[in-house]
Amino acid sequence: MKTINAITSILFTIILLSSCTPKMTFVTSTIVPAATGEVNVKKDKNKNYVINLTVQNLAEPNNLNPSKNTYLVWMESTENSAKKLGQIMPNGKSLKATLTTSVINEPKAVFITAEDNAEVQYPAGQVILTTRR
């Protein structure tokens, strides 16, 4: 009886873990050490990947050294080198920033750079946060 319960528990845990939304956590930044956040990725009914990004304690970009104007969010997948997902700006007392977007390719890593303007086509500024280990 104990063996059956153990096997049932293991199978339940495997099913539960496989149905969870993949989550990536940002590595602590040396540039903005107070910044924390995570990225949740979920596949939608159209087989796109919906990305929900949340960051807290992200310093204003003009407070960086050197000063920048904006933060841009990028992703890496197996299909391309870096794709711009959007722009974020921290606000409120918690300096929180969020972004929700969808993409065709599964993201392998997400990172945030500080840039002079949002029009750049490739990451050129400092990497502020990354999910790469």
N, C-alpha and C. Protein backbone atom coordinates (compact mmCIF):
# COMPACT_ATOMS: atom_id res chain seq x y z
N MET A 1 0.82 -1.19 0.00
CA MET A 1 0.00 0.00 0.00
C MET A 1 0.87 1.26 0.00
N LYS A 2 1.97 1.24 0.77
CA LYS A 2 2.86 2.39 0.81
C LYS A 2 3.49 2.65 -0.55
N THR A 3 3.82 1.59 -1.28
CA THR A 3 4.41 1.72 -2.60
C THR A 3 3.44 2.38 -3.57
N ILE A 4 2.18 1.97 -3.53
CA ILE A 4 1.16 2.55 -4.41
C ILE A 4 0.98 4.04 -4.09
N ASN A 5 0.93 4.39 -2.82
CA ASN A 5 0.81 5.80 -2.43
C ASN A 5 2.02 6.60 -2.88
N ALA A 6 3.19 6.03 -2.76
CA ALA A 6 4.41 6.73 -3.17
C ALA A 6 4.41 6.96 -4.67
N ILE A 7 4.06 5.94 -5.44
CA ILE A 7 4.01 6.07 -6.90
C ILE A 7 2.96 7.09 -7.31
N THR A 8 1.79 7.05 -6.66
CA THR A 8 0.73 8.01 -6.96
C THR A 8 1.20 9.43 -6.67
N SER A 9 1.88 9.62 -5.56
CA SER A 9 2.40 10.95 -5.20
C SER A 9 3.42 11.44 -6.21
N ILE A 10 4.30 10.57 -6.64
CA ILE A 10 5.32 10.95 -7.63
C ILE A 10 4.67 11.31 -8.95
N LEU A 11 3.72 10.51 -9.42
CA LEU A 11 3.03 10.81 -10.68
C LEU A 11 2.27 12.13 -10.60
N PHE A 12 1.61 12.37 -9.49
CA PHE A 12 0.87 13.62 -9.30
C PHE A 12 1.82 14.81 -9.35
N THR A 13 2.98 14.69 -8.71
CA THR A 13 3.97 15.77 -8.70
C THR A 13 4.49 16.03 -10.11
N ILE A 14 4.78 15.00 -10.86
CA ILE A 14 5.26 15.15 -12.24
C ILE A 14 4.23 15.85 -13.10
N ILE A 15 2.98 15.45 -12.99
CA ILE A 15 1.91 16.09 -13.77
C ILE A 15 1.75 17.55 -13.37
N LEU A 16 1.79 17.81 -12.09
CA LEU A 16 1.65 19.18 -11.59
C LEU A 16 2.79 20.06 -12.10
N LEU A 17 4.01 19.57 -12.04
CA LEU A 17 5.15 20.36 -12.49
C LEU A 17 5.15 20.57 -14.00
N SER A 18 4.71 19.60 -14.75
CA SER A 18 4.72 19.74 -16.20
C SER A 18 3.63 20.67 -16.69
N SER A 19 2.60 20.92 -15.89
CA SER A 19 1.53 21.81 -16.30
C SER A 19 1.77 23.24 -15.85
N CYS A 20 2.82 23.49 -15.09
CA CYS A 20 3.11 24.83 -14.59
C CYS A 20 3.62 25.72 -15.70
N THR A 21 3.39 27.01 -15.53
CA THR A 21 3.91 28.00 -16.44
C THR A 21 5.42 28.12 -16.23
N PRO A 22 6.22 28.05 -17.33
CA PRO A 22 7.65 28.24 -17.17
C PRO A 22 7.93 29.64 -16.61
N LYS A 23 8.81 29.70 -15.64
CA LYS A 23 9.14 30.97 -15.01
C LYS A 23 10.64 31.16 -15.06
N MET A 24 11.04 32.36 -15.44
CA MET A 24 12.45 32.73 -15.43
C MET A 24 12.61 33.87 -14.42
N THR A 25 13.64 33.80 -13.64
CA THR A 25 13.91 34.84 -12.65
C THR A 25 15.15 35.62 -13.07
N PHE A 26 15.10 36.93 -12.91
CA PHE A 26 16.26 37.75 -13.25
C PHE A 26 17.38 37.55 -12.23
N VAL A 27 18.60 37.49 -12.72
CA VAL A 27 19.79 37.38 -11.89
C VAL A 27 20.05 38.75 -11.27
N THR A 28 20.52 38.80 -10.03
CA THR A 28 20.81 40.06 -9.37
C THR A 28 21.80 40.88 -10.19
N SER A 29 21.47 42.14 -10.37
CA SER A 29 22.26 43.04 -11.20
C SER A 29 23.36 43.71 -10.40
N THR A 30 24.52 43.88 -11.01
CA THR A 30 25.58 44.66 -10.37
C THR A 30 25.37 46.15 -10.61
N ILE A 31 24.58 46.50 -11.62
CA ILE A 31 24.33 47.90 -11.96
C ILE A 31 23.17 48.46 -11.13
N VAL A 32 22.10 47.68 -10.99
CA VAL A 32 20.94 48.06 -10.18
C VAL A 32 20.65 46.88 -9.24
N PRO A 33 21.44 46.74 -8.16
CA PRO A 33 21.34 45.54 -7.31
C PRO A 33 20.00 45.36 -6.61
N ALA A 34 19.23 46.42 -6.42
CA ALA A 34 17.93 46.29 -5.75
C ALA A 34 16.85 45.74 -6.68
N ALA A 35 17.09 45.78 -7.97
CA ALA A 35 16.08 45.35 -8.94
C ALA A 35 15.87 43.84 -8.88
N THR A 36 14.60 43.44 -8.86
CA THR A 36 14.22 42.04 -8.88
C THR A 36 13.08 41.87 -9.86
N GLY A 37 12.88 40.66 -10.32
CA GLY A 37 11.77 40.43 -11.22
C GLY A 37 11.74 39.04 -11.77
N GLU A 38 10.68 38.80 -12.54
CA GLU A 38 10.52 37.48 -13.15
C GLU A 38 9.79 37.60 -14.47
N VAL A 39 9.91 36.55 -15.24
CA VAL A 39 9.27 36.44 -16.54
C VAL A 39 8.48 35.14 -16.55
N ASN A 40 7.19 35.24 -16.83
CA ASN A 40 6.35 34.05 -16.98
C ASN A 40 6.03 33.87 -18.46
N VAL A 41 6.17 32.66 -18.94
CA VAL A 41 5.91 32.34 -20.34
C VAL A 41 4.83 31.27 -20.41
N LYS A 42 3.84 31.52 -21.23
CA LYS A 42 2.73 30.59 -21.37
C LYS A 42 2.36 30.48 -22.84
N LYS A 43 2.07 29.29 -23.30
CA LYS A 43 1.65 29.08 -24.68
C LYS A 43 0.14 29.30 -24.77
N ASP A 44 -0.29 30.10 -25.75
CA ASP A 44 -1.72 30.36 -25.90
C ASP A 44 -2.36 29.38 -26.89
N LYS A 45 -3.65 29.55 -27.12
CA LYS A 45 -4.38 28.61 -28.00
C LYS A 45 -3.92 28.67 -29.45
N ASN A 46 -3.26 29.76 -29.83
CA ASN A 46 -2.74 29.90 -31.19
C ASN A 46 -1.29 29.44 -31.31
N LYS A 47 -0.76 28.84 -30.24
CA LYS A 47 0.61 28.34 -30.18
C LYS A 47 1.65 29.45 -30.21
N ASN A 48 1.24 30.66 -29.78
CA ASN A 48 2.18 31.75 -29.54
C ASN A 48 2.64 31.65 -28.09
N TYR A 49 3.73 32.31 -27.78
CA TYR A 49 4.22 32.37 -26.41
C TYR A 49 3.89 33.75 -25.84
N VAL A 50 3.09 33.76 -24.77
CA VAL A 50 2.72 34.99 -24.10
C VAL A 50 3.72 35.23 -22.98
N ILE A 51 4.37 36.38 -23.01
CA ILE A 51 5.39 36.72 -22.04
C ILE A 51 4.85 37.80 -21.11
N ASN A 52 4.89 37.53 -19.82
CA ASN A 52 4.51 38.50 -18.80
C ASN A 52 5.74 38.79 -17.95
N LEU A 53 6.21 40.02 -18.01
CA LEU A 53 7.41 40.43 -17.29
C LEU A 53 7.03 41.42 -16.20
N THR A 54 7.59 41.24 -15.02
CA THR A 54 7.38 42.16 -13.91
C THR A 54 8.73 42.41 -13.24
N VAL A 55 9.03 43.69 -13.01
CA VAL A 55 10.28 44.08 -12.35
C VAL A 55 9.94 45.10 -11.27
N GLN A 56 10.59 44.98 -10.11
CA GLN A 56 10.44 45.94 -9.02
C GLN A 56 11.80 46.55 -8.70
N ASN A 57 11.76 47.73 -8.10
CA ASN A 57 12.96 48.44 -7.65
C ASN A 57 13.95 48.70 -8.79
N LEU A 58 13.40 48.99 -9.97
CA LEU A 58 14.23 49.30 -11.14
C LEU A 58 14.47 50.81 -11.15
N ALA A 59 15.69 51.24 -10.91
CA ALA A 59 16.03 52.66 -10.85
C ALA A 59 15.63 53.37 -12.15
N GLU A 60 15.27 54.62 -12.03
CA GLU A 60 14.99 55.43 -13.22
C GLU A 60 16.22 55.42 -14.13
N PRO A 61 16.04 55.28 -15.44
CA PRO A 61 17.21 55.19 -16.33
C PRO A 61 18.08 56.45 -16.31
N ASN A 62 17.48 57.60 -16.01
CA ASN A 62 18.29 58.83 -15.96
C ASN A 62 19.14 58.90 -14.70
N ASN A 63 18.92 57.97 -13.73
CA ASN A 63 19.74 57.91 -12.53
C ASN A 63 20.95 56.99 -12.69
N LEU A 64 21.04 56.31 -13.82
CA LEU A 64 22.18 55.42 -14.07
C LEU A 64 23.42 56.25 -14.39
N ASN A 65 24.58 55.60 -14.32
CA ASN A 65 25.82 56.27 -14.68
C ASN A 65 26.52 55.44 -15.74
N PRO A 66 26.54 55.86 -17.00
CA PRO A 66 26.02 57.10 -17.53
C PRO A 66 24.48 57.08 -17.63
N SER A 67 23.92 58.26 -17.62
CA SER A 67 22.47 58.43 -17.68
C SER A 67 21.92 57.91 -19.01
N LYS A 68 20.77 57.23 -18.96
CA LYS A 68 20.09 56.73 -20.15
C LYS A 68 18.66 57.24 -20.16
N ASN A 69 17.96 57.03 -21.28
CA ASN A 69 16.59 57.54 -21.41
C ASN A 69 15.51 56.49 -21.22
N THR A 70 15.83 55.22 -21.47
CA THR A 70 14.79 54.19 -21.42
C THR A 70 15.39 52.82 -21.18
N TYR A 71 14.52 51.90 -20.82
CA TYR A 71 14.88 50.49 -20.73
C TYR A 71 14.18 49.74 -21.85
N LEU A 72 14.88 48.85 -22.50
CA LEU A 72 14.29 47.99 -23.52
C LEU A 72 14.40 46.54 -23.10
N VAL A 73 13.36 45.78 -23.40
CA VAL A 73 13.32 44.35 -23.08
C VAL A 73 13.59 43.57 -24.36
N TRP A 74 14.46 42.58 -24.26
CA TRP A 74 14.86 41.75 -25.39
C TRP A 74 14.71 40.28 -25.02
N MET A 75 14.59 39.44 -26.03
CA MET A 75 14.59 38.00 -25.79
C MET A 75 15.53 37.32 -26.75
N GLU A 76 16.04 36.19 -26.31
CA GLU A 76 16.83 35.31 -27.16
C GLU A 76 16.06 34.01 -27.30
N SER A 77 16.06 33.48 -28.52
CA SER A 77 15.46 32.17 -28.77
C SER A 77 16.44 31.35 -29.59
N THR A 78 16.08 30.14 -29.88
CA THR A 78 16.96 29.31 -30.71
C THR A 78 16.92 29.77 -32.17
N GLU A 79 15.88 30.53 -32.56
CA GLU A 79 15.72 30.94 -33.95
C GLU A 79 16.44 32.24 -34.31
N ASN A 80 16.69 33.11 -33.35
CA ASN A 80 17.34 34.38 -33.67
C ASN A 80 18.23 34.83 -32.52
N SER A 81 19.04 35.86 -32.79
CA SER A 81 19.98 36.31 -31.76
C SER A 81 19.30 37.14 -30.68
N ALA A 82 18.68 38.26 -31.02
CA ALA A 82 18.00 39.09 -30.03
C ALA A 82 16.83 39.79 -30.70
N LYS A 83 15.69 39.75 -30.05
CA LYS A 83 14.49 40.39 -30.58
C LYS A 83 13.96 41.36 -29.54
N LYS A 84 13.70 42.60 -29.99
CA LYS A 84 13.18 43.61 -29.08
C LYS A 84 11.72 43.32 -28.79
N LEU A 85 11.37 43.25 -27.49
CA LEU A 85 10.00 42.98 -27.08
C LEU A 85 9.23 44.24 -26.74
N GLY A 86 9.94 45.26 -26.27
CA GLY A 86 9.26 46.49 -25.92
C GLY A 86 10.07 47.34 -24.97
N GLN A 87 9.45 48.42 -24.57
CA GLN A 87 10.05 49.41 -23.69
C GLN A 87 9.36 49.37 -22.34
N ILE A 88 10.11 49.55 -21.26
CA ILE A 88 9.52 49.63 -19.94
C ILE A 88 10.07 50.86 -19.21
N MET A 89 9.25 51.42 -18.33
CA MET A 89 9.67 52.54 -17.49
C MET A 89 9.17 52.30 -16.09
N PRO A 90 10.05 52.33 -15.10
CA PRO A 90 9.61 52.13 -13.71
C PRO A 90 8.77 53.30 -13.23
N ASN A 91 7.76 53.01 -12.39
CA ASN A 91 6.96 54.10 -11.83
C ASN A 91 6.46 53.72 -10.45
N GLY A 92 5.97 54.70 -9.74
CA GLY A 92 5.45 54.48 -8.40
C GLY A 92 6.55 54.34 -7.37
N LYS A 93 6.13 54.19 -6.12
CA LYS A 93 7.10 54.06 -5.02
C LYS A 93 7.94 52.80 -5.13
N SER A 94 7.35 51.72 -5.69
CA SER A 94 8.08 50.45 -5.79
C SER A 94 8.92 50.38 -7.06
N LEU A 95 8.91 51.46 -7.87
CA LEU A 95 9.65 51.50 -9.13
C LEU A 95 9.39 50.23 -9.94
N LYS A 96 8.10 49.93 -10.11
CA LYS A 96 7.67 48.72 -10.79
C LYS A 96 7.48 48.98 -12.28
N ALA A 97 7.81 47.98 -13.06
CA ALA A 97 7.59 48.03 -14.50
C ALA A 97 7.07 46.67 -14.96
N THR A 98 6.12 46.68 -15.89
CA THR A 98 5.57 45.44 -16.42
C THR A 98 5.51 45.50 -17.94
N LEU A 99 5.49 44.34 -18.54
CA LEU A 99 5.35 44.22 -19.99
C LEU A 99 4.67 42.90 -20.29
N THR A 100 3.68 42.93 -21.15
CA THR A 100 3.04 41.71 -21.64
C THR A 100 3.05 41.76 -23.16
N THR A 101 3.53 40.69 -23.76
CA THR A 101 3.61 40.63 -25.21
C THR A 101 3.54 39.17 -25.65
N SER A 102 3.36 38.94 -26.94
CA SER A 102 3.39 37.57 -27.44
C SER A 102 4.36 37.47 -28.61
N VAL A 103 4.97 36.31 -28.72
CA VAL A 103 5.96 36.04 -29.76
C VAL A 103 5.72 34.65 -30.33
N ILE A 104 6.28 34.42 -31.49
CA ILE A 104 6.12 33.12 -32.15
C ILE A 104 7.11 32.09 -31.62
N ASN A 105 8.36 32.53 -31.39
CA ASN A 105 9.41 31.62 -30.94
C ASN A 105 9.49 31.57 -29.43
N GLU A 106 9.82 30.40 -28.91
CA GLU A 106 9.95 30.23 -27.46
C GLU A 106 11.17 30.98 -26.94
N PRO A 107 10.99 31.84 -25.94
CA PRO A 107 12.14 32.55 -25.39
C PRO A 107 13.01 31.63 -24.54
N LYS A 108 14.31 31.71 -24.76
CA LYS A 108 15.27 30.94 -23.95
C LYS A 108 15.87 31.82 -22.86
N ALA A 109 15.95 33.13 -23.12
CA ALA A 109 16.44 34.09 -22.14
C ALA A 109 15.79 35.44 -22.43
N VAL A 110 15.60 36.23 -21.39
CA VAL A 110 15.07 37.58 -21.52
C VAL A 110 16.05 38.50 -20.81
N PHE A 111 16.30 39.67 -21.40
CA PHE A 111 17.19 40.63 -20.75
C PHE A 111 16.73 42.05 -21.01
N ILE A 112 17.17 42.95 -20.11
CA ILE A 112 16.78 44.36 -20.17
C ILE A 112 18.05 45.18 -20.31
N THR A 113 18.04 46.11 -21.28
CA THR A 113 19.17 47.01 -21.46
C THR A 113 18.73 48.46 -21.22
N ALA A 114 19.67 49.29 -20.82
CA ALA A 114 19.45 50.73 -20.70
C ALA A 114 19.95 51.36 -21.99
N GLU A 115 19.07 52.11 -22.65
CA GLU A 115 19.40 52.67 -23.96
C GLU A 115 19.16 54.18 -24.00
N ASP A 116 19.80 54.84 -24.97
CA ASP A 116 19.60 56.27 -25.17
C ASP A 116 18.25 56.57 -25.81
N ASN A 117 17.77 55.64 -26.65
CA ASN A 117 16.44 55.81 -27.25
C ASN A 117 15.83 54.46 -27.56
N ALA A 118 14.51 54.45 -27.74
CA ALA A 118 13.77 53.21 -27.96
C ALA A 118 13.83 52.73 -29.40
N GLU A 119 14.44 53.50 -30.27
CA GLU A 119 14.46 53.16 -31.69
C GLU A 119 15.57 52.20 -32.10
N VAL A 120 16.47 51.87 -31.18
CA VAL A 120 17.58 50.99 -31.54
C VAL A 120 17.03 49.63 -31.99
N GLN A 121 17.70 49.04 -32.97
CA GLN A 121 17.27 47.76 -33.52
C GLN A 121 17.97 46.57 -32.87
N TYR A 122 19.10 46.83 -32.24
CA TYR A 122 19.89 45.79 -31.59
C TYR A 122 20.34 46.31 -30.23
N PRO A 123 20.48 45.44 -29.25
CA PRO A 123 20.91 45.92 -27.93
C PRO A 123 22.29 46.56 -28.00
N ALA A 124 22.37 47.81 -27.53
CA ALA A 124 23.63 48.53 -27.59
C ALA A 124 24.07 48.99 -26.20
N GLY A 125 23.12 49.14 -25.28
CA GLY A 125 23.43 49.64 -23.95
C GLY A 125 23.81 48.54 -22.99
N GLN A 126 24.03 48.96 -21.74
CA GLN A 126 24.39 48.00 -20.69
C GLN A 126 23.24 47.06 -20.41
N VAL A 127 23.55 45.79 -20.16
CA VAL A 127 22.55 44.83 -19.73
C VAL A 127 22.31 45.08 -18.24
N ILE A 128 21.08 45.45 -17.91
CA ILE A 128 20.73 45.76 -16.53
C ILE A 128 20.29 44.51 -15.78
N LEU A 129 19.40 43.74 -16.40
CA LEU A 129 18.93 42.48 -15.82
C LEU A 129 18.91 41.41 -16.90
N THR A 130 19.14 40.17 -16.50
CA THR A 130 19.09 39.06 -17.44
C THR A 130 18.61 37.80 -16.72
N THR A 131 17.98 36.92 -17.47
CA THR A 131 17.59 35.62 -16.91
C THR A 131 18.67 34.58 -17.19
N ARG A 132 19.71 34.97 -17.95
CA ARG A 132 20.82 34.03 -18.20
C ARG A 132 21.59 33.80 -16.94
N ARG A 133 21.94 32.57 -16.67
CA ARG A 133 22.72 32.21 -15.47
C ARG A 133 24.19 32.24 -15.78
